[in-house]
Protein backbone atom coordinates (compact mmCIF):
# COMPACT_ATOMS: atom_id res chain seq x y z
CA MET A 1 0.09 0.01 -0.08
CA PRO A 2 1.65 3.04 -1.06
CA ILE A 3 2.65 5.76 1.85
CA ASP A 4 1.18 9.10 1.77
CA GLY A 5 4.55 11.56 1.61
CA SER A 6 2.09 14.62 2.68
CA THR A 7 1.33 12.61 5.86
CA VAL A 8 4.73 11.28 6.84
CA LEU A 9 5.91 15.41 6.21
CA GLU A 10 2.99 16.87 8.37
CA ASP A 11 4.60 14.63 10.89
CA ALA A 12 7.91 15.42 10.23
CA HIS A 13 7.35 19.28 10.66
CA ARG A 14 5.77 18.46 14.28
CA ARG A 15 8.65 15.96 15.20
CA GLU A 16 11.69 16.85 13.14
CA TRP A 17 11.79 20.81 13.05
CA ALA A 18 13.56 21.99 16.25
CA ALA A 19 16.52 19.37 15.27
CA VAL A 20 16.67 20.21 11.61
CA LEU A 21 16.82 23.91 12.33
CA ALA A 22 18.95 23.45 15.20
CA ALA A 23 21.52 21.18 12.77
CA THR A 24 21.12 23.94 9.86
CA VAL A 25 21.84 27.05 12.21
CA ARG A 26 25.42 25.38 12.85
CA VAL A 27 25.81 25.94 9.15
CA THR A 28 24.50 29.27 8.53
CA ARG A 29 25.36 30.88 11.39
CA ASP A 30 22.34 32.95 10.95
CA LEU A 31 18.75 32.18 12.20
CA ASP A 32 17.05 33.75 9.37
CA LEU A 33 19.14 31.96 6.65
CA ALA A 34 18.45 28.91 8.65
CA GLU A 35 14.70 29.22 8.63
CA GLU A 36 14.77 30.01 4.87
CA CYS A 37 16.73 26.83 4.34
CA VAL A 38 14.62 24.54 6.45
CA GLN A 39 11.38 25.70 4.83
CA ASP A 40 13.33 25.39 1.30
CA ALA A 41 14.03 21.74 2.54
CA PHE A 42 10.44 21.18 3.43
CA GLU A 43 9.33 22.50 0.42
CA LYS A 44 11.57 20.23 -1.85
CA ALA A 45 10.57 17.21 0.21
CA LEU A 46 6.52 18.25 -0.34
CA LEU A 47 7.39 18.27 -4.28
CA THR A 48 9.53 15.23 -4.34
CA TRP A 49 8.38 12.69 -2.00
CA GLY A 50 5.00 11.73 -3.12
CA ASP A 51 3.80 8.03 -2.19
CA ALA A 52 7.53 7.16 -1.27
CA PRO A 53 8.88 9.14 1.46
CA PRO A 54 12.30 8.43 2.87
CA ALA A 55 12.37 5.85 5.61
CA ASN A 56 14.66 8.77 8.07
CA PRO A 57 12.67 11.94 6.67
CA GLY A 58 14.31 13.89 9.68
CA ALA A 59 17.98 12.85 7.87
CA TRP A 60 16.61 13.72 4.33
CA LEU A 61 15.23 17.29 5.64
CA THR A 62 18.72 17.89 7.67
CA THR A 63 20.67 16.99 4.87
CA ALA A 64 18.69 19.01 2.51
CA ALA A 65 18.49 22.27 4.68
CA ARG A 66 22.36 21.67 5.38
CA ASN A 67 23.11 21.24 1.58
CA ARG A 68 20.90 24.68 0.84
CA ALA A 69 22.48 26.55 3.75
CA LEU A 70 25.75 25.60 1.77
CA ASP A 71 25.01 26.59 -1.43
CA LEU A 72 24.27 30.06 -0.23
CA ARG A 73 27.24 30.17 2.03
CA ARG A 74 29.25 29.74 -1.15
CA ARG A 75 27.82 32.84 -2.25
CA GLU A 76 30.24 35.12 -0.41
CA ALA A 77 28.71 38.35 -2.11
CA THR A 78 25.45 37.46 -1.11
CA LEU A 79 26.65 36.74 3.01
CA ARG A 80 28.32 39.98 3.20
CA THR A 81 24.66 41.71 2.63
CA LYS A 82 23.23 39.26 5.16
CA LEU A 83 23.44 40.51 9.26
CA PRO A 84 26.48 39.97 11.38
CA LEU A 85 27.02 36.23 12.06
CA LEU A 86 26.39 34.04 15.08
CA VAL A 87 29.58 32.83 16.60
CA MET A 88 30.21 29.44 16.44
CA ASP A 89 32.38 28.74 19.54
CA GLU A 90 33.79 25.45 18.38
CA GLN A 91 35.20 25.09 21.58
CA ASP A 92 32.26 24.71 23.73
CA PRO A 93 33.35 24.87 27.48
CA GLN A 94 30.88 21.66 28.27
CA GLY A 95 32.12 19.40 25.26
CA PRO A 96 30.40 17.76 22.52
CA PHE A 97 26.97 18.20 23.47
CA PRO A 98 24.74 15.73 22.27
CA ASP A 99 21.79 17.81 20.82
CA ASP A 100 21.84 21.00 19.14
CA ARG A 101 18.32 21.97 20.60
CA LEU A 102 19.76 22.96 23.46
CA ARG A 103 22.06 25.06 21.96
CA LEU A 104 19.72 26.62 20.23
CA LEU A 105 17.38 26.95 22.99
CA PHE A 106 20.14 28.98 25.17
CA THR A 107 20.92 30.98 22.11
CA CYS A 108 17.23 32.25 22.22
CA CYS A 109 17.54 32.80 26.30
CA HIS A 110 20.61 34.62 26.32
CA PRO A 111 20.05 37.77 28.51
CA ALA A 112 20.91 40.45 26.23
CA ILE A 113 17.67 39.64 24.43
CA ALA A 114 14.65 40.98 25.97
CA PRO A 115 12.71 38.82 28.35
CA ASP A 116 9.50 38.90 26.38
CA ALA A 117 11.14 38.00 23.58
CA GLN A 118 13.60 35.21 24.77
CA VAL A 119 10.29 32.58 25.48
CA ALA A 120 8.48 33.56 22.18
CA LEU A 121 11.67 33.10 20.08
CA ALA A 122 12.15 29.80 21.71
CA LEU A 123 8.94 28.93 20.50
CA ARG A 124 9.13 29.99 17.25
CA LEU A 125 12.31 28.05 17.02
CA LEU A 126 11.87 25.06 18.76
CA CYS A 127 8.32 23.91 18.03
CA GLY A 128 8.04 25.52 14.81
CA LEU A 129 4.92 27.51 15.30
CA SER A 130 4.09 30.44 13.18
CA THR A 131 3.83 33.88 14.30
CA ALA A 132 0.52 34.04 14.61
CA GLU A 133 0.52 30.79 16.81
CA VAL A 134 3.32 32.41 18.70
CA ALA A 135 1.39 35.70 19.14
CA ARG A 136 -2.05 33.44 20.06
CA ALA A 137 0.02 31.55 23.02
CA PHE A 138 1.40 35.42 24.31
CA LEU A 139 -2.34 36.77 24.11
CA VAL A 140 -0.78 39.53 21.71
CA SER A 141 -1.49 40.63 18.11
CA GLU A 142 0.24 39.03 14.87
CA PRO A 143 2.18 42.22 14.16
CA THR A 144 3.44 42.81 18.01
CA MET A 145 4.61 39.21 17.90
CA ALA A 146 6.38 39.75 14.38
CA ALA A 147 8.17 42.98 15.51
CA ARG A 148 9.12 41.07 18.60
CA ILE A 149 10.87 37.98 17.55
CA THR A 150 12.80 39.58 14.24
CA ARG A 151 14.00 42.29 17.46
CA ALA A 152 15.10 38.91 19.04
CA LYS A 153 17.11 37.46 15.94
CA LYS A 154 18.49 40.92 15.03
CA LYS A 155 19.49 41.30 18.76
CA ILE A 156 21.50 37.65 18.26
CA ALA A 157 22.99 38.77 14.95
CA HIS A 158 24.33 41.95 15.96
CA ALA A 159 25.61 41.14 19.39
CA ARG A 160 27.07 38.14 17.96
CA ILE A 161 25.79 35.88 20.77
CA PRO A 162 27.50 32.51 20.85
CA TYR A 163 25.58 29.40 19.59
CA ARG A 164 26.48 27.13 22.19
CA VAL A 165 25.68 25.93 25.85
CA PRO A 166 27.47 28.45 27.76
CA ALA A 167 29.92 27.67 30.50
CA THR A 168 28.90 26.19 33.89
CA GLU A 169 28.95 29.58 35.90
CA ASP A 170 26.89 31.42 33.08
CA LEU A 171 24.21 28.68 33.38
CA PRO A 172 22.43 30.36 36.59
CA GLY A 173 22.09 33.47 34.76
CA ARG A 174 19.85 31.93 32.13
CA LEU A 175 18.06 29.21 33.93
CA ASP A 176 14.79 30.75 34.72
CA ALA A 177 14.13 31.64 30.69
CA VAL A 178 15.25 28.23 29.74
CA LEU A 179 13.11 26.61 32.33
CA ALA A 180 10.43 29.06 31.11
CA ALA A 181 10.65 28.39 27.65
CA ILE A 182 10.44 24.85 28.36
CA HIS A 183 7.54 25.03 30.66
CA LEU A 184 5.61 26.85 27.89
CA LEU A 185 6.74 24.21 25.12
CA PHE A 186 5.30 21.43 27.37
CA THR A 187 2.07 23.37 28.17
CA THR A 188 1.56 23.80 24.47
CA GLY A 189 1.85 20.25 23.88
CA HIS A 190 0.06 19.26 26.51
CA SER A 191 -3.26 21.52 25.75
CA ALA A 192 -2.57 22.58 22.14
CA PRO A 193 -4.02 26.27 21.55
CA VAL A 194 -5.58 25.35 18.31
CA GLY A 195 -6.07 22.38 16.07
CA ASP A 196 -7.90 19.44 16.32
CA GLN A 197 -6.31 17.09 18.70
CA LEU A 198 -5.92 17.86 22.36
CA VAL A 199 -2.37 16.96 22.94
CA ARG A 200 0.75 17.40 20.75
CA HIS A 201 2.96 14.66 21.41
CA ASP A 202 6.31 15.66 19.83
CA LEU A 203 6.24 19.06 21.84
CA VAL A 204 5.32 16.91 25.03
CA GLY A 205 8.33 14.81 24.17
CA ARG A 206 10.82 17.75 23.46
CA ALA A 207 9.87 19.24 26.66
CA LEU A 208 11.20 16.21 28.41
CA ASP A 209 14.07 15.70 26.22
CA LEU A 210 15.41 19.47 26.66
CA THR A 211 14.55 18.95 30.90
CA GLN A 212 16.50 15.71 31.00
CA MET A 213 19.72 17.24 29.68
CA LEU A 214 18.97 20.26 31.22
CA ARG A 215 19.29 18.31 33.99
CA THR A 216 22.74 16.66 33.08
CA LEU A 217 24.04 20.18 33.11
CA LEU A 218 22.44 22.12 36.10
CA PRO A 219 20.65 19.32 38.61
CA GLY A 220 19.42 21.70 40.75
CA PRO A 221 15.84 22.06 42.50
CA GLU A 222 13.75 24.09 39.93
CA VAL A 223 15.22 21.63 36.99
CA LEU A 224 14.37 18.78 38.56
CA GLY A 225 10.70 20.40 39.98
CA LEU A 226 10.05 20.82 36.22
CA GLU A 227 10.91 17.34 35.20
CA ALA A 228 8.77 16.51 38.02
CA LEU A 229 6.11 18.36 37.02
CA ILE A 230 6.42 17.13 33.42
CA VAL A 231 6.26 13.42 34.16
CA LEU A 232 3.71 13.57 36.30
CA THR A 233 1.24 15.33 34.37
CA ASP A 234 1.96 13.37 31.28
CA ALA A 235 1.87 10.30 33.10
CA ARG A 236 -2.16 10.65 32.46
CA ARG A 237 -1.95 11.10 28.66
CA ALA A 238 -3.28 7.96 27.56
CA THR A 239 -6.96 8.45 29.39
CA ARG A 240 -7.23 12.30 28.60
CA VAL A 241 -9.96 11.32 25.75
CA ASP A 242 -12.31 8.59 25.17
CA ASP A 243 -12.27 6.27 22.10
CA ASP A 244 -14.41 8.85 20.35
CA GLY A 245 -11.95 12.09 20.92
CA ARG A 246 -14.14 13.67 23.37
CA LEU A 247 -12.52 15.27 26.56
CA LEU A 248 -12.62 13.27 29.80
CA LEU A 249 -12.18 15.32 33.05
CA LEU A 250 -10.28 14.16 35.95
CA GLU A 251 -12.71 12.79 37.78
CA HIS A 252 -13.89 10.51 34.69
CA GLN A 253 -10.35 9.16 33.94
CA ASP A 254 -9.56 5.55 34.78
CA ARG A 255 -6.53 5.64 37.00
CA ALA A 256 -5.76 2.48 36.68
CA ARG A 257 -4.43 3.38 33.18
CA TRP A 258 -1.98 6.02 34.43
CA ASP A 259 1.28 5.24 34.39
CA ARG A 260 2.49 4.33 37.67
CA GLU A 261 6.21 4.05 37.04
CA GLN A 262 5.98 7.50 35.80
CA ILE A 263 4.18 8.82 38.99
CA GLU A 264 6.55 7.06 40.45
CA ARG A 265 9.43 8.65 39.03
CA GLY A 266 7.75 11.85 39.35
CA ARG A 267 7.30 11.60 43.01
CA ALA A 268 11.04 11.00 43.59
CA LEU A 269 11.97 13.75 41.40
CA VAL A 270 9.22 16.19 43.66
CA LYS A 271 11.20 14.97 46.82
CA ALA A 272 14.45 15.97 45.93
CA ALA A 273 13.24 19.33 44.09
CA LEU A 274 11.27 20.37 47.45
CA THR A 275 14.26 22.40 49.62
CA ALA A 276 13.71 24.65 52.52
CA ASP A 277 12.85 27.43 50.03
CA PRO A 278 11.07 25.63 47.21
CA GLY A 279 11.01 27.41 43.70
CA ARG A 280 7.51 27.99 41.45
CA TYR A 281 8.12 24.64 39.46
CA ALA A 282 8.89 22.32 42.79
CA LEU A 283 5.50 23.81 43.89
CA GLN A 284 3.29 23.02 40.94
CA ALA A 285 4.99 19.46 40.89
CA ALA A 286 4.02 19.19 44.72
CA ILE A 287 0.79 20.04 43.53
CA ALA A 288 0.69 17.38 40.48
CA ALA A 289 1.84 14.90 43.15
CA VAL A 290 -1.31 15.32 45.17
CA HIS A 291 -3.48 14.78 42.03
CA ALA A 292 -1.39 11.55 41.06
CA GLU A 293 -0.87 9.84 44.49
CA ALA A 294 -5.22 10.63 45.39
CA PRO A 295 -6.39 6.60 45.09
CA SER A 296 -9.62 8.27 43.16
CA TYR A 297 -10.95 11.64 42.65
CA GLU A 298 -13.06 11.95 45.60
CA GLU A 299 -10.40 11.38 47.89
CA THR A 300 -8.30 14.27 46.36
CA ASP A 301 -6.53 16.15 49.01
CA TRP A 302 -7.67 19.70 48.32
CA ARG A 303 -6.85 21.53 51.86
CA GLU A 304 -3.44 20.71 50.66
CA ILE A 305 -4.05 22.08 47.35
CA VAL A 306 -5.25 25.33 48.82
CA GLY A 307 -2.20 25.48 50.89
CA LEU A 308 0.56 24.96 48.01
CA TYR A 309 -1.44 27.43 46.50
CA ASP A 310 -0.67 29.93 48.78
CA LEU A 311 3.06 28.98 49.05
CA LEU A 312 3.17 29.55 45.07
CA ALA A 313 1.27 32.70 45.40
CA ARG A 314 4.10 34.05 47.53
CA ARG A 315 6.90 32.55 45.13
CA TRP A 316 4.91 33.70 41.72
CA PRO A 317 2.24 36.36 42.24
CA SER A 318 0.36 35.56 39.28
CA PRO A 319 -3.31 36.25 38.90
CA VAL A 320 -3.27 32.42 37.00
CA VAL A 321 -1.69 31.19 40.38
CA ARG A 322 -4.79 33.33 42.11
CA LEU A 323 -7.29 31.69 40.01
CA ASN A 324 -6.28 28.50 40.58
CA ARG A 325 -6.55 28.89 44.17
CA ALA A 326 -9.97 29.96 43.99
CA VAL A 327 -11.27 26.82 41.89
CA ALA A 328 -9.30 25.15 44.90
CA VAL A 329 -10.93 27.13 47.52
CA GLY A 330 -14.50 26.27 45.87
CA MET A 331 -13.56 22.85 46.23
CA VAL A 332 -13.00 23.04 49.51
CA ALA A 333 -15.81 25.25 51.07
CA GLY A 334 -18.02 25.33 48.36
CA PRO A 335 -19.42 27.11 44.99
CA GLN A 336 -20.32 30.74 46.81
CA ALA A 337 -16.67 30.69 48.40
CA GLY A 338 -15.38 29.69 44.88
CA LEU A 339 -17.51 32.30 43.19
CA ASP A 340 -16.47 34.93 45.71
CA SER A 341 -12.78 34.21 45.38
CA LEU A 342 -13.01 34.44 41.16
CA SER A 343 -14.83 37.79 41.67
CA ALA A 344 -11.79 39.74 42.47
CA LEU A 345 -9.92 38.09 39.12
CA SER A 346 -12.93 39.70 37.10
CA GLU A 347 -11.04 43.06 36.24
CA GLU A 348 -7.38 41.60 36.09
CA PRO A 349 -6.19 42.35 32.14
CA THR A 350 -4.20 39.51 31.83
CA LEU A 351 -7.31 37.29 32.35
CA ALA A 352 -9.40 39.28 29.73
CA THR A 353 -9.23 36.92 27.07
CA TYR A 354 -8.40 33.62 29.20
CA SER A 355 -11.02 31.32 28.71
CA TYR A 356 -10.64 29.21 31.80
CA LEU A 357 -11.77 31.95 34.05
CA ALA A 358 -15.26 31.86 32.48
CA VAL A 359 -14.96 28.09 32.21
CA ALA A 360 -14.57 28.28 36.42
CA ARG A 361 -16.75 30.71 36.76
CA ALA A 362 -19.85 28.83 34.58
CA HIS A 363 -19.16 25.77 37.23
CA PHE A 364 -19.69 27.65 40.19
CA LEU A 365 -22.91 29.29 38.75
CA GLN A 366 -24.01 26.21 37.55
CA GLU A 367 -23.54 24.64 40.80
CA LEU A 368 -25.65 27.37 42.73
CA GLY A 369 -28.23 26.71 40.26
CA ARG A 370 -27.92 30.47 38.29
CA SER A 371 -28.10 28.53 34.93
CA ALA A 372 -28.52 32.08 32.94
CA GLU A 373 -25.24 33.07 34.07
CA ALA A 374 -23.67 30.14 33.73
CA ARG A 375 -24.76 29.58 30.07
CA ALA A 376 -23.58 33.31 29.55
CA ALA A 377 -20.15 32.03 30.96
CA TYR A 378 -20.10 29.30 28.99
CA GLU A 379 -20.57 30.81 26.23
CA GLU A 380 -17.94 33.21 26.56
CA ALA A 381 -15.60 30.26 27.22
CA LEU A 382 -16.52 29.28 23.52
CA LEU A 383 -15.65 32.46 21.96
CA LEU A 384 -12.27 32.44 23.83
CA THR A 385 -11.42 28.77 22.92
CA GLU A 386 -9.94 27.61 19.58
CA ASN A 387 -9.06 23.92 20.09
CA THR A 388 -11.62 21.78 18.53
CA VAL A 389 -11.70 19.31 21.60
CA GLU A 390 -12.42 21.81 24.02
CA ARG A 391 -14.90 23.40 21.87
CA ARG A 392 -16.85 20.66 21.97
CA PHE A 393 -16.47 20.05 25.40
CA LEU A 394 -17.64 23.57 26.27
CA SER A 395 -20.79 23.05 23.60
CA GLU A 396 -21.77 19.39 25.20
CA ARG A 397 -21.98 21.14 28.81
CA LEU A 398 -23.72 24.30 27.18
CA SER A 399 -26.13 22.28 25.51
CA ASP A 400 -26.49 19.80 28.41
CA LEU A 401 -27.57 23.18 30.51
CA GLU A 402 -29.96 24.48 28.24
CA ALA A 403 -31.54 20.71 28.00
CA ALA A 404 -31.90 20.26 31.73
CA ASP A 405 -33.13 23.94 32.09
CA GLU A 406 -36.04 23.39 30.13
CA GLY A 407 -36.79 20.55 31.71
CA TYR A 408 -36.25 21.59 35.64
CA GLY A 409 -37.64 25.39 34.59
CA ASN A 410 -34.40 26.40 35.92
CA GLU A 411 -34.20 29.99 34.55
CA ARG A 412 -35.70 31.10 38.37
CA GLY A 413 -32.35 30.12 39.88
CA ASP A 414 -33.85 27.77 42.17
CA PRO A 415 -31.04 25.80 43.63
CA ASP A 416 -33.31 23.01 44.38
CA HIS A 417 -34.53 22.55 40.66
CA ARG A 418 -30.92 22.91 39.04
CA PRO A 419 -29.65 20.24 36.67
CA GLU A 420 -27.38 17.46 38.14
CA ARG A 421 -24.09 18.33 39.18
CA GLY A 422 -21.59 18.11 36.31
CA VAL A 423 -18.22 19.72 35.98
CA PRO A 424 -18.17 21.60 33.09
CA VAL A 425 -14.26 21.81 32.34
CA GLY A 426 -11.42 19.67 33.34
CA GLY A 427 -9.72 22.34 34.78
CA ALA A 428 -12.07 24.04 37.15
CA GLU A 429 -11.07 21.55 39.99
CA GLU A 430 -7.82 20.95 39.49
CA ALA A 431 -6.78 24.62 38.89
CA ALA A 432 -4.36 25.80 36.36
CA ALA A 433 -1.09 26.52 38.15
CA GLU A 434 1.93 24.57 35.99
CA ALA A 435 0.05 25.56 32.76
CA HIS A 436 0.63 28.96 32.12
CA GLY A 437 3.52 31.04 30.73
CA PRO A 438 6.61 32.33 32.54
CA SER A 439 4.99 36.05 33.01
CA ASP A 440 1.35 37.66 33.17
CA GLU A 441 2.21 39.11 30.02
CA GLN A 442 2.90 35.80 28.57
CA ARG A 443 -0.07 32.83 27.73
CA THR A 444 -1.67 31.56 30.77
CA GLU A 445 -2.26 28.05 29.32
CA ASP A 446 -4.83 25.37 30.18
CA ASP A 447 -3.90 23.26 33.26
CA PRO A 448 -2.10 20.02 32.88
CA GLN A 449 -3.52 18.66 35.97
CA ALA A 450 -7.25 19.28 34.56
CA THR A 451 -7.05 16.48 32.18
């Protein structure tokens, strides 16, 4: 049976983009030129693979991109018109590093680059996301993101930032940005902001690979915490959708199918990461561990989760952390307490287009029997949601509520006539602490604890 080359190429774009680009940068020493060569390689593959794609698509694409780069490098006149080249430090103090993707990540996260551009550039280069997709991830317009990425590339070129893993003494200065980039890479894969699939497994795997490589260089508590967070969250991967592709909430997942080996490994990492002064990733991993260790949904220790969010809020005072804590409070003290906690966040500008705030509000309103307000909140969440799986889930919850109202006459908001309790989204109860971007200006994503 012939193999569909376009399908193989699409999969290769998801899985191989970062590796192909990173290898090509070593030849071009110019990020824009490297991207151009990689795009040319993919275009060539689209035209030539047909129904007979190569056995190793990544190697084919890397060779094609590098050959194109070498051809362009031979044109000295063209090269002289380019921006100054990246410095290629062949005497890397870390020795020959096994994966160029980590070099590329450290280049993107150089302290000379504006903090708001570091993670955006990493997403663009390491994920192969379009500028429009990165803009959606950061909740800014496409022109704003395009200008941000362009400035970052120019800074790398003009400052002649070395394309290498920095020396050991320089690693701590870049660690926060690198961890933030890997974290956002993971959350973008765990709950894809757009598309027909809930999970982009290639991005999840890439984030874990980078975290494990980083641990060999700098095995500190926050690196261990991020690895624990990824491992514990990804342990639920097989149970997050049903056989029909519908989103399954945490309470409906078959915990027997969770990866116990990953959970045990994650718990060990959490224990190593929780120091006297735990950082944000260690605390988020501790929250993930509480969910992973609960024998059933009903036995989840929500009071402990609230306490961990209190610690996280002091360490990382983000509006999304406050949102997550509000949801956990509602699970402990009831829907009115949760709604009261959410009301304080209604004017937060960083949450204005954040669908999970509307979803959490809809959940508590539904619990209180305030159906008309709950429907309005669901409708708001739908307007802010672009992932097909999540939209389907929200649409079904809205339809269920409307049908229940017709049957129970619940427009009066009478709690004695409210529809049967149902959790409206897979993030309302578990909160979204580990799933947002590295700052309040950046994307606040879905909660990996949610589904």
